[in-house]
């Protein structure tokens, strides 16, 4: 029986960061996937996680784990598929170190991802964005910070990880306001900012107290870097306030990524150029950006205007007299 610990340690600490150049976020996501897998396998075999062996990680166990993610944890199909990607990557790594588990690995890597429907992206209209940005109290330090975070997240279309990890050096306000972002795949992009966005950022800089050892631009009340969950809490709080001014917000689930979607649609409607949207958001593949075309009706209306509708004969429907209709019925 082969112990798991040495191999999973080599995979997470050597293979991913040093050989593949994976980011900290990717390594953390993979580590969390294996934490869930080993806890599931531990309960299934009635042993501690450190006593598990690689031979026990077969295809039926992996299938049971994936089903458990949906049934017991309430995860969506995209999360299930992401966990499967991590497991397959680990098994491919093992094939070069332990040829004896080649067949076991191939069976696991043959597990297909689960198909899912692709819904329209959720986004906010201009009135909803306006109400959300107006929700923080600009007379308090936390309100100034929250306004700056929300405004920058929307205006630059940032991922939440890009927002909370933004360093002080990533923002340049002179001669023109620009934010430099390091996104997925270590792809960097420089984005110009509205004067209004830059104004909110300047207000935050004026009240931001320097904290030794903290280089992140946004910090919490304790002077520590803002976290993903911290920003989500801030967003939820202000959505409740904004919903009192814009009732349509009450029926929407507003996440940090919804602000990114809203930015993408704003750019698409303003430019009509999908390539510019992909460059703004930092997408490696423009196919990822094409989903915004399904939401924006302007492209479809333009296509509809170029098509000649069929020429059909109009007709008239004569409503029958109620008495005659009664007499005709048996």
Protein backbone atom coordinates (compact mmCIF):
# COMPACT_ATOMS: atom_id res chain seq x y z
CA UNK A 1 0.00 0.00 0.00
CA UNK A 2 1.33 3.41 -0.98
CA UNK A 3 1.02 6.37 1.42
CA UNK A 4 -0.63 9.48 0.00
CA UNK A 5 1.11 12.19 2.04
CA UNK A 6 4.53 12.28 0.28
CA UNK A 7 2.98 12.39 -3.18
CA UNK A 8 0.29 14.99 -2.47
CA UNK A 9 2.92 17.13 -0.77
CA UNK A 10 5.20 16.92 -3.81
CA UNK A 11 2.30 17.74 -6.09
CA UNK A 12 1.10 20.81 -4.17
CA UNK A 13 4.52 22.18 -3.16
CA UNK A 14 6.71 21.26 -6.12
CA UNK A 15 4.69 20.33 -9.20
CA UNK A 16 2.09 23.11 -9.17
CA UNK A 17 4.03 26.20 -8.00
CA UNK A 18 7.56 25.44 -9.19
CA UNK A 19 7.15 23.31 -12.30
CA UNK A 20 3.78 24.52 -13.60
CA UNK A 21 4.03 28.07 -12.22
CA UNK A 22 0.52 27.90 -10.74
CA UNK A 23 -0.65 30.88 -8.70
CA UNK A 24 -1.31 30.83 -4.97
CA UNK A 25 -5.05 30.84 -5.66
CA UNK A 26 -4.77 27.73 -7.86
CA UNK A 27 -2.65 25.89 -5.29
CA UNK A 28 -5.09 26.81 -2.52
CA UNK A 29 -8.08 25.67 -4.57
CA UNK A 30 -6.42 22.33 -5.36
CA UNK A 31 -5.42 21.82 -1.72
CA UNK A 32 -9.01 22.45 -0.62
CA UNK A 33 -10.30 19.94 -3.18
CA UNK A 34 -8.02 17.24 -1.76
CA UNK A 35 -8.98 18.16 1.79
CA UNK A 36 -12.60 17.42 0.90
CA UNK A 37 -11.66 14.24 -0.96
CA UNK A 38 -9.55 12.82 1.88
CA UNK A 39 -12.23 13.64 4.46
CA UNK A 40 -14.78 11.81 2.29
CA UNK A 41 -12.49 8.79 1.81
CA UNK A 42 -11.65 8.75 5.52
CA UNK A 43 -15.33 8.46 6.42
CA UNK A 44 -15.90 5.82 3.73
CA UNK A 45 -13.05 3.52 4.87
CA UNK A 46 -13.30 4.32 8.61
CA UNK A 47 -9.64 5.36 8.88
CA UNK A 48 -7.87 8.63 9.53
CA UNK A 49 -6.84 10.64 6.43
CA UNK A 50 -3.15 9.96 7.09
CA UNK A 51 -3.84 6.20 6.91
CA UNK A 52 -5.35 6.35 3.42
CA UNK A 53 -3.43 4.78 0.56
CA UNK A 54 -3.28 5.73 -3.10
CA UNK A 55 -4.72 2.36 -4.08
CA UNK A 56 -7.97 3.30 -2.30
CA UNK A 57 -8.48 6.31 -4.55
CA UNK A 58 -10.16 4.40 -7.36
CA UNK A 59 -12.78 5.52 -9.89
CA UNK A 60 -15.84 4.39 -7.84
CA UNK A 61 -14.59 6.36 -4.83
CA UNK A 62 -14.04 9.47 -6.94
CA UNK A 63 -17.53 9.15 -8.46
CA UNK A 64 -18.99 8.82 -4.97
CA UNK A 65 -17.07 11.90 -3.85
CA UNK A 66 -18.30 13.97 -6.80
CA UNK A 67 -21.91 12.94 -6.17
CA UNK A 68 -21.48 13.80 -2.48
CA UNK A 69 -20.37 17.32 -3.39
CA UNK A 70 -23.73 17.94 -5.04
CA UNK A 71 -25.97 15.95 -2.72
CA UNK A 72 -24.43 16.66 0.69
CA UNK A 73 -22.59 19.96 0.26
CA UNK A 74 -24.99 21.54 -2.19
CA UNK A 75 -22.21 22.41 -4.67
CA UNK A 76 -23.06 23.25 -8.25
CA UNK A 77 -21.91 21.35 -11.29
CA UNK A 78 -19.15 23.86 -12.06
CA UNK A 79 -17.67 23.29 -8.59
CA UNK A 80 -17.95 19.52 -9.04
CA UNK A 81 -16.10 19.76 -12.36
CA UNK A 82 -13.40 21.99 -10.83
CA UNK A 83 -12.73 19.38 -8.11
CA UNK A 84 -12.50 16.70 -10.80
CA UNK A 85 -9.91 18.74 -12.71
CA UNK A 86 -7.72 18.89 -9.59
CA UNK A 87 -7.98 15.12 -9.06
CA UNK A 88 -7.18 14.34 -12.70
CA UNK A 89 -4.16 16.62 -12.59
CA UNK A 90 -2.85 14.77 -9.52
CA UNK A 91 -3.37 11.37 -11.15
CA UNK A 92 -1.51 12.49 -14.27
CA UNK A 93 1.36 13.56 -12.02
CA UNK A 94 1.40 10.13 -10.32
CA UNK A 95 1.63 8.24 -13.61
CA UNK A 96 5.25 9.37 -14.00
CA UNK A 97 6.20 8.49 -10.42
CA UNK A 98 4.21 5.29 -9.83
CA UNK A 99 3.71 3.33 -13.05
CA UNK A 100 2.02 0.59 -11.00
CA UNK A 101 -1.15 2.70 -10.70
CA UNK A 102 -1.30 3.53 -14.42
CA UNK A 103 -4.56 1.64 -15.03
CA UNK A 104 -6.16 3.07 -11.89
CA UNK A 105 -5.17 6.57 -13.00
CA UNK A 106 -6.55 6.10 -16.50
CA UNK A 107 -9.90 5.00 -15.14
CA UNK A 108 -10.12 8.14 -13.01
CA UNK A 109 -8.99 10.40 -15.83
CA UNK A 110 -11.67 8.86 -18.04
CA UNK A 111 -14.43 10.23 -15.78
CA UNK A 112 -16.11 12.91 -17.90
CA UNK A 113 -17.07 16.34 -16.58
CA UNK A 114 -20.75 16.74 -15.95
CA UNK A 115 -22.63 18.83 -18.48
CA UNK A 116 -24.69 21.73 -17.27
CA UNK A 117 -26.94 24.39 -18.67
CA UNK A 118 -25.30 27.76 -19.27
CA UNK A 119 -27.66 30.44 -17.92
CA UNK A 120 -27.58 34.07 -18.96
CA UNK A 121 -25.13 36.07 -16.88
CA UNK A 122 -26.67 38.02 -14.05
CA UNK A 123 -25.97 41.75 -14.23
CA UNK A 124 -27.17 45.11 -12.97
CA UNK A 125 -28.63 47.93 -15.04
CA UNK A 126 -27.48 51.54 -14.80
CA UNK A 127 -30.07 52.53 -12.18
CA UNK A 128 -29.14 49.58 -9.96
CA UNK A 129 -25.42 50.36 -10.23
CA UNK A 130 -26.10 54.00 -9.39
CA UNK A 131 -28.10 53.01 -6.29
CA UNK A 132 -25.39 50.58 -5.15
CA UNK A 133 -22.54 53.09 -5.50
CA UNK A 134 -24.59 55.70 -3.63
CA UNK A 135 -25.28 53.34 -0.70
CA UNK A 136 -22.03 53.80 1.33
CA UNK A 137 -21.91 56.82 3.65
CA UNK A 138 -19.20 59.13 2.22
CA UNK A 139 -18.84 60.96 5.54
CA UNK A 140 -17.27 57.97 7.34
CA UNK A 141 -13.92 56.24 6.82
CA UNK A 142 -15.53 52.84 6.16
CA UNK A 143 -18.02 54.44 3.78
CA UNK A 144 -15.22 56.12 1.80
CA UNK A 145 -13.38 52.78 1.55
CA UNK A 146 -16.52 50.87 0.57
CA UNK A 147 -17.43 53.40 -2.13
CA UNK A 148 -13.91 53.15 -3.55
CA UNK A 149 -13.98 49.34 -3.53
CA UNK A 150 -17.39 49.06 -5.17
CA UNK A 151 -16.61 51.76 -7.73
CA UNK A 152 -13.26 50.24 -8.72
CA UNK A 153 -14.63 46.69 -8.87
CA UNK A 154 -17.38 47.81 -11.27
CA UNK A 155 -15.49 50.37 -13.35
CA UNK A 156 -12.48 48.11 -13.98
CA UNK A 157 -14.45 44.85 -14.12
CA UNK A 158 -12.14 43.25 -11.56
CA UNK A 159 -12.35 39.74 -10.20
CA UNK A 160 -12.68 39.78 -6.42
CA UNK A 161 -9.21 38.23 -6.10
CA UNK A 162 -7.77 41.04 -8.24
CA UNK A 163 -9.51 43.66 -6.12
CA UNK A 164 -8.44 42.46 -2.67
CA UNK A 165 -4.85 41.72 -3.76
CA UNK A 166 -4.35 45.05 -5.55
CA UNK A 167 -1.07 46.56 -4.25
CA UNK A 168 -0.55 50.24 -3.57
CA UNK A 169 1.83 50.38 -6.53
CA UNK A 170 -0.88 49.02 -8.82
CA UNK A 171 -2.68 52.35 -8.85
CA UNK A 172 -1.36 55.39 -10.70
CA UNK A 173 -3.39 58.61 -10.59
CA UNK A 174 -0.97 60.91 -12.45
CA UNK A 175 -0.92 62.08 -15.16
CA UNK A 176 -4.02 60.01 -15.92
CA UNK A 177 -5.70 57.46 -13.58
CA UNK A 178 -4.72 53.88 -14.41
CA UNK A 179 -4.96 50.62 -12.49
CA UNK A 180 -2.54 47.78 -13.27
CA UNK A 181 -3.97 44.35 -12.59
CA UNK A 182 -2.35 40.92 -12.46
CA UNK A 183 -5.10 38.48 -13.40
CA UNK A 184 -5.53 34.80 -14.14
CA UNK A 185 -2.57 33.07 -15.72
CA UNK A 186 -0.39 35.96 -14.55
CA UNK A 187 -1.70 38.06 -17.44
CA UNK A 188 -1.23 41.73 -16.60
CA UNK A 189 -3.42 44.52 -17.97
CA UNK A 190 -3.55 48.29 -17.52
CA UNK A 191 -7.00 49.89 -17.39
CA UNK A 192 -7.86 53.60 -17.53
CA UNK A 193 -10.32 54.85 -14.93
CA UNK A 194 -13.13 57.40 -14.93
CA UNK A 195 -12.42 60.68 -13.18
CA UNK A 196 -15.24 59.82 -10.75
CA UNK A 197 -13.60 56.51 -9.90
CA UNK A 198 -10.24 58.17 -9.42
CA UNK A 199 -11.86 60.76 -7.17
CA UNK A 200 -13.25 58.04 -4.89
CA UNK A 201 -9.84 56.36 -4.79
CA UNK A 202 -8.14 59.64 -3.83
CA UNK A 203 -10.58 60.07 -0.95
CA UNK A 204 -9.67 56.60 0.32
CA UNK A 205 -5.94 57.31 0.01
CA UNK A 206 -6.43 60.46 2.10
CA UNK A 207 -7.92 58.51 5.03
CA UNK A 208 -6.03 55.22 4.65
CA UNK A 209 -3.68 54.83 7.58
CA UNK A 210 -0.29 53.30 6.61
CA UNK A 211 0.17 49.81 8.06
CA UNK A 212 3.71 48.35 8.22
CA UNK A 213 3.99 45.17 6.20
CA UNK A 214 0.60 45.62 4.49
CA UNK A 215 1.01 46.50 0.81
CA UNK A 216 -2.61 45.84 -0.23
CA UNK A 217 -4.56 48.94 -1.24
CA UNK A 218 -7.74 48.01 0.63
CA UNK A 219 -7.61 47.06 4.31
CA UNK A 220 -10.24 46.15 6.89
CA UNK A 221 -10.99 47.88 10.20
CA UNK A 222 -8.08 46.03 11.88
CA UNK A 223 -5.57 47.25 9.32
CA UNK A 224 -5.27 43.80 7.72
CA UNK A 225 -5.66 43.17 3.97
CA UNK A 226 -9.28 42.98 2.86
CA UNK A 227 -10.34 39.38 2.20
CA UNK A 228 -12.77 37.91 -0.33
CA UNK A 229 -15.33 37.17 2.36
CA UNK A 230 -14.80 40.62 3.83
CA UNK A 231 -15.61 42.32 0.53
CA UNK A 232 -18.63 40.06 0.02
CA UNK A 233 -19.92 41.11 3.45
CA UNK A 234 -19.44 44.77 2.54
CA UNK A 235 -21.25 44.25 -0.77
CA UNK A 236 -24.19 42.44 0.86
CA UNK A 237 -24.58 45.23 3.41
CA UNK A 238 -24.78 47.95 0.79
CA UNK A 239 -27.08 45.97 -1.50
CA UNK A 240 -29.65 45.94 1.30
CA UNK A 241 -29.38 49.73 1.62
CA UNK A 242 -29.49 50.25 -2.15
CA UNK A 243 -32.60 48.05 -2.47
CA UNK A 244 -34.58 50.62 -0.45
CA UNK A 245 -33.91 53.14 -3.24
CA UNK A 246 -33.99 50.72 -6.16
CA UNK A 247 -36.49 47.89 -5.34
CA UNK A 248 -35.40 45.72 -8.28
CA UNK A 249 -32.18 44.94 -6.39
CA UNK A 250 -34.14 43.05 -3.74
CA UNK A 251 -34.90 40.24 -6.20
CA UNK A 252 -31.31 39.88 -7.46
CA UNK A 253 -28.37 37.94 -6.09
CA UNK A 254 -25.55 40.48 -6.26
CA UNK A 255 -22.08 38.96 -5.99
CA UNK A 256 -18.70 40.56 -6.78
CA UNK A 257 -18.74 38.79 -10.15
CA UNK A 258 -22.09 40.41 -10.97
CA UNK A 259 -20.30 43.78 -10.87
CA UNK A 260 -17.75 42.37 -13.34
CA UNK A 261 -20.55 41.16 -15.62
CA UNK A 262 -22.22 44.57 -15.44
CA UNK A 263 -18.98 46.25 -16.49
CA UNK A 264 -18.59 43.84 -19.43
CA UNK A 265 -22.07 44.56 -20.74
CA UNK A 266 -21.55 48.30 -20.35
CA UNK A 267 -18.40 48.10 -22.50
CA UNK A 268 -20.09 45.86 -25.06
CA UNK A 269 -23.07 48.19 -25.42
CA UNK A 270 -20.78 51.21 -25.63
CA UNK A 271 -18.32 49.84 -28.19
CA UNK A 272 -20.06 46.93 -29.87
CA UNK A 273 -16.64 45.25 -29.97
CA UNK A 274 -16.35 41.89 -28.25
CA UNK A 275 -12.57 41.92 -28.57
CA UNK A 276 -12.35 45.06 -26.46
CA UNK A 277 -14.47 43.44 -23.78
CA UNK A 278 -12.12 40.43 -23.72
CA UNK A 279 -9.07 42.70 -23.42
CA UNK A 280 -10.70 44.73 -20.64
CA UNK A 281 -11.64 41.67 -18.59
CA UNK A 282 -8.38 39.84 -19.23
CA UNK A 283 -9.92 36.82 -20.96
CA UNK A 284 -7.38 34.50 -22.62
CA UNK A 285 -10.03 33.08 -24.97
CA UNK A 286 -12.61 35.31 -26.65
CA UNK A 287 -15.06 32.39 -26.52
CA UNK A 288 -15.34 33.09 -22.80
CA UNK A 289 -16.51 36.61 -23.66
CA UNK A 290 -19.13 35.50 -26.17
CA UNK A 291 -21.63 34.72 -23.41
CA UNK A 292 -22.26 38.46 -23.09
CA UNK A 293 -23.66 38.46 -26.62
CA UNK A 294 -26.47 36.21 -25.42
CA UNK A 295 -27.48 38.80 -22.83
CA UNK A 296 -27.16 41.98 -24.91
CA UNK A 297 -30.24 42.35 -27.18
CA UNK A 298 -28.68 45.05 -29.38
CA UNK A 299 -26.77 42.52 -31.49
CA UNK A 300 -29.90 40.47 -32.04
CA UNK A 301 -32.00 43.53 -32.90
CA UNK A 302 -29.42 44.56 -35.48
CA UNK A 303 -29.57 41.09 -37.03
CA UNK A 304 -33.36 41.15 -36.97
CA UNK A 305 -33.48 44.47 -38.82
CA UNK A 306 -31.54 43.00 -41.75
CA UNK A 307 -33.97 40.13 -42.27
CA UNK A 308 -37.15 40.53 -44.32
CA UNK A 309 -40.04 38.90 -42.48
CA UNK A 310 -42.31 36.51 -44.42
CA UNK A 311 -45.28 38.15 -46.17
CA UNK A 312 -48.32 36.42 -44.70
CA UNK A 313 -51.97 36.97 -45.55
CA UNK A 314 -53.86 38.61 -42.72
CA UNK A 315 -57.21 37.17 -41.73
CA UNK A 316 -60.20 38.04 -39.61
CA UNK A 317 -61.69 35.98 -36.86
CA UNK A 318 -65.46 36.33 -36.46
CA UNK A 319 -66.59 35.80 -32.91
CA UNK A 320 -69.63 33.45 -32.98
CA UNK A 321 -72.84 34.55 -31.42
CA UNK A 322 -73.18 33.17 -27.92
CA UNK A 323 -76.76 31.93 -28.43
CA UNK A 324 -75.99 30.14 -31.72
CA UNK A 325 -72.87 28.60 -30.22
CA UNK A 326 -74.98 27.25 -27.33
CA UNK A 327 -77.53 25.74 -29.71
CA UNK A 328 -74.79 24.03 -31.72
CA UNK A 329 -73.39 22.34 -28.63
CA UNK A 330 -74.87 18.87 -27.85
